C-alpha atoms as a PDB file:
ATOM      1  CA  UNK A   1       0.100   0.667  -0.218  1.00  0.00           C
ATOM      2  CA  UNK A   2       3.227   2.300   0.627  1.00  0.00           C
ATOM      3  CA  UNK A   3       4.254   2.128  -3.199  1.00  0.00           C
ATOM      4  CA  UNK A   4       0.316   2.719  -3.860  1.00  0.00           C
ATOM      5  CA  UNK A   5       0.851   6.112  -1.803  1.00  0.00           C
ATOM      6  CA  UNK A   6       3.608   7.041  -2.751  1.00  0.00           C
ATOM      7  CA  UNK A   7       3.496   7.257  -6.252  1.00  0.00           C
ATOM      8  CA  UNK A   8      -0.305   7.588  -7.155  1.00  0.00           C
ATOM      9  CA  UNK A   9       0.424  10.880  -8.538  1.00  0.00           C
ATOM     10  CA  UNK A  10       2.122   9.001 -11.998  1.00  0.00           C
ATOM     11  CA  UNK A  11       0.132   5.344 -11.452  1.00  0.00           C
ATOM     12  CA  UNK A  12      -2.737   8.825 -12.111  1.00  0.00           C
ATOM     13  CA  UNK A  13      -0.925   9.618 -14.720  1.00  0.00           C
ATOM     14  CA  UNK A  14      -0.223   6.136 -16.398  1.00  0.00           C
ATOM     15  CA  UNK A  15      -4.203   5.280 -15.976  1.00  0.00           C
ATOM     16  CA  UNK A  16      -4.476   9.031 -17.950  1.00  0.00           C
ATOM     17  CA  UNK A  17      -2.854   8.150 -20.109  1.00  0.00           C
ATOM     18  CA  UNK A  18      -4.119   4.074 -21.180  1.00  0.00           C
ATOM     19  CA  UNK A  19      -7.652   5.875 -21.256  1.00  0.00           C
ATOM     20  CA  UNK A  20      -7.351   8.723 -23.274  1.00  0.00           C
ATOM     21  CA  UNK A  21      -5.075   6.345 -26.252  1.00  0.00           C
ATOM     22  CA  UNK A  22      -7.761   3.469 -25.808  1.00  0.00           C
ATOM     23  CA  UNK A  23     -10.636   6.535 -26.408  1.00  0.00           C
ATOM     24  CA  UNK A  24      -8.630   7.688 -28.967  1.00  0.00           C
ATOM     25  CA  UNK A  25      -7.958   4.203 -30.897  1.00  0.00           C
ATOM     26  CA  UNK A  26     -10.916   2.744 -31.197  1.00  0.00           C
ATOM     27  CA  UNK A  27     -11.616   3.481 -34.968  1.00  0.00           C
ATOM     28  CA  UNK A  28      -7.933   2.984 -35.500  1.00  0.00           C
ATOM     29  CA  UNK A  29      -4.108   4.962 -35.544  1.00  0.00           C
ATOM     30  CA  UNK A  30      -4.016   7.971 -37.177  1.00  0.00           C
ATOM     31  CA  UNK A  31      -1.168   9.945 -36.618  1.00  0.00           C
ATOM     32  CA  UNK A  32      -3.164  13.448 -35.433  1.00  0.00           C
ATOM     33  CA  UNK A  33      -3.722  10.252 -32.066  1.00  0.00           C
ATOM     34  CA  UNK A  34       0.073   9.973 -31.412  1.00  0.00           C
ATOM     35  CA  UNK A  35      -0.119  13.414 -30.896  1.00  0.00           C
ATOM     36  CA  UNK A  36      -2.961  14.523 -28.504  1.00  0.00           C
ATOM     37  CA  UNK A  37      -0.964  11.465 -26.512  1.00  0.00           C
ATOM     38  CA  UNK A  38       2.283  13.306 -26.740  1.00  0.00           C
ATOM     39  CA  UNK A  39       0.851  16.321 -25.915  1.00  0.00           C
ATOM     40  CA  UNK A  40      -0.595  15.148 -22.850  1.00  0.00           C
ATOM     41  CA  UNK A  41       1.909  13.190 -21.823  1.00  0.00           C
ATOM     42  CA  UNK A  42       4.310  16.005 -22.152  1.00  0.00           C
ATOM     43  CA  UNK A  43       1.840  17.902 -20.376  1.00  0.00           C
ATOM     44  CA  UNK A  44       1.066  15.604 -17.302  1.00  0.00           C
ATOM     45  CA  UNK A  45       5.166  15.190 -16.824  1.00  0.00           C
ATOM     46  CA  UNK A  46       5.126  19.304 -16.525  1.00  0.00           C
ATOM     47  CA  UNK A  47       2.250  19.001 -14.104  1.00  0.00           C
ATOM     48  CA  UNK A  48       4.590  16.057 -12.150  1.00  0.00           C
ATOM     49  CA  UNK A  49       8.353  18.789 -12.481  1.00  0.00           C
ATOM     50  CA  UNK A  50       6.488  21.534 -10.681  1.00  0.00           C
ATOM     51  CA  UNK A  51       3.083  19.329  -8.538  1.00  0.00           C
ATOM     52  CA  UNK A  52       6.307  16.743  -6.458  1.00  0.00           C
ATOM     53  CA  UNK A  53       7.190  17.342  -3.262  1.00  0.00           C
ATOM     54  CA  UNK A  54      11.429  18.256  -3.378  1.00  0.00           C
ATOM     55  CA  UNK A  55      14.156  18.353  -0.968  1.00  0.00           C
ATOM     56  CA  UNK A  56      15.257  22.241   0.177  1.00  0.00           C
ATOM     57  CA  UNK A  57      18.134  22.830   1.960  1.00  0.00           C
ATOM     58  CA  UNK A  58      20.487  25.337   3.682  1.00  0.00           C
ATOM     59  CA  UNK A  59      23.493  25.332   3.188  1.00  0.00           C
ATOM     60  CA  UNK A  60      25.079  26.472   6.268  1.00  0.00           C
ATOM     61  CA  UNK A  61      23.827  27.801   9.431  1.00  0.00           C
ATOM     62  CA  UNK A  62      23.644  31.206   9.090  1.00  0.00           C
ATOM     63  CA  UNK A  63      21.789  30.893   5.985  1.00  0.00           C
ATOM     64  CA  UNK A  64      19.512  28.291   8.118  1.00  0.00           C
ATOM     65  CA  UNK A  65      18.802  31.088  10.357  1.00  0.00           C
ATOM     66  CA  UNK A  66      17.951  33.984   7.989  1.00  0.00           C
ATOM     67  CA  UNK A  67      15.809  31.497   6.435  1.00  0.00           C
ATOM     68  CA  UNK A  68      13.146  31.383   9.995  1.00  0.00           C
ATOM     69  CA  UNK A  69      13.084  34.400  10.976  1.00  0.00           C
ATOM     70  CA  UNK A  70      16.771  36.161  11.609  1.00  0.00           C
ATOM     71  CA  UNK A  71      16.609  35.597  15.838  1.00  0.00           C
ATOM     72  CA  UNK A  72      12.033  35.545  16.593  1.00  0.00           C
ATOM     73  CA  UNK A  73      10.181  33.299  17.442  1.00  0.00           C
ATOM     74  CA  UNK A  74       9.259  31.049  14.277  1.00  0.00           C
ATOM     75  CA  UNK A  75       6.799  27.738  14.095  1.00  0.00           C
ATOM     76  CA  UNK A  76       7.852  24.786  11.884  1.00  0.00           C
ATOM     77  CA  UNK A  77       6.056  22.783  11.245  1.00  0.00           C
ATOM     78  CA  UNK A  78       7.391  19.435   9.319  1.00  0.00           C
ATOM     79  CA  UNK A  79       5.847  16.413   7.623  1.00  0.00           C
ATOM     80  CA  UNK A  80       6.889  14.047   4.678  1.00  0.00           C
ATOM     81  CA  UNK A  81       7.040  14.331   1.906  1.00  0.00           C
ATOM     82  CA  UNK A  82       5.030  11.687   0.634  1.00  0.00           C
END
């Protein structure tokens, strides 16, 4: 179940591509269908690149301290990227 949780977006995008390919190819493969599938794949890949969690770390202690509020109390919320 953890694999489904970690890769649910990718699994959903693959399902969308397969479903779209099924409906486009019902009447035979036309060049336009391949262009539509390629465009959809590019859009889904771009969405995944924008929406996926990414690691962002401070390089030094001073960068971390300046990002946290410069000596003011700060509420930290820690969460998993998945």
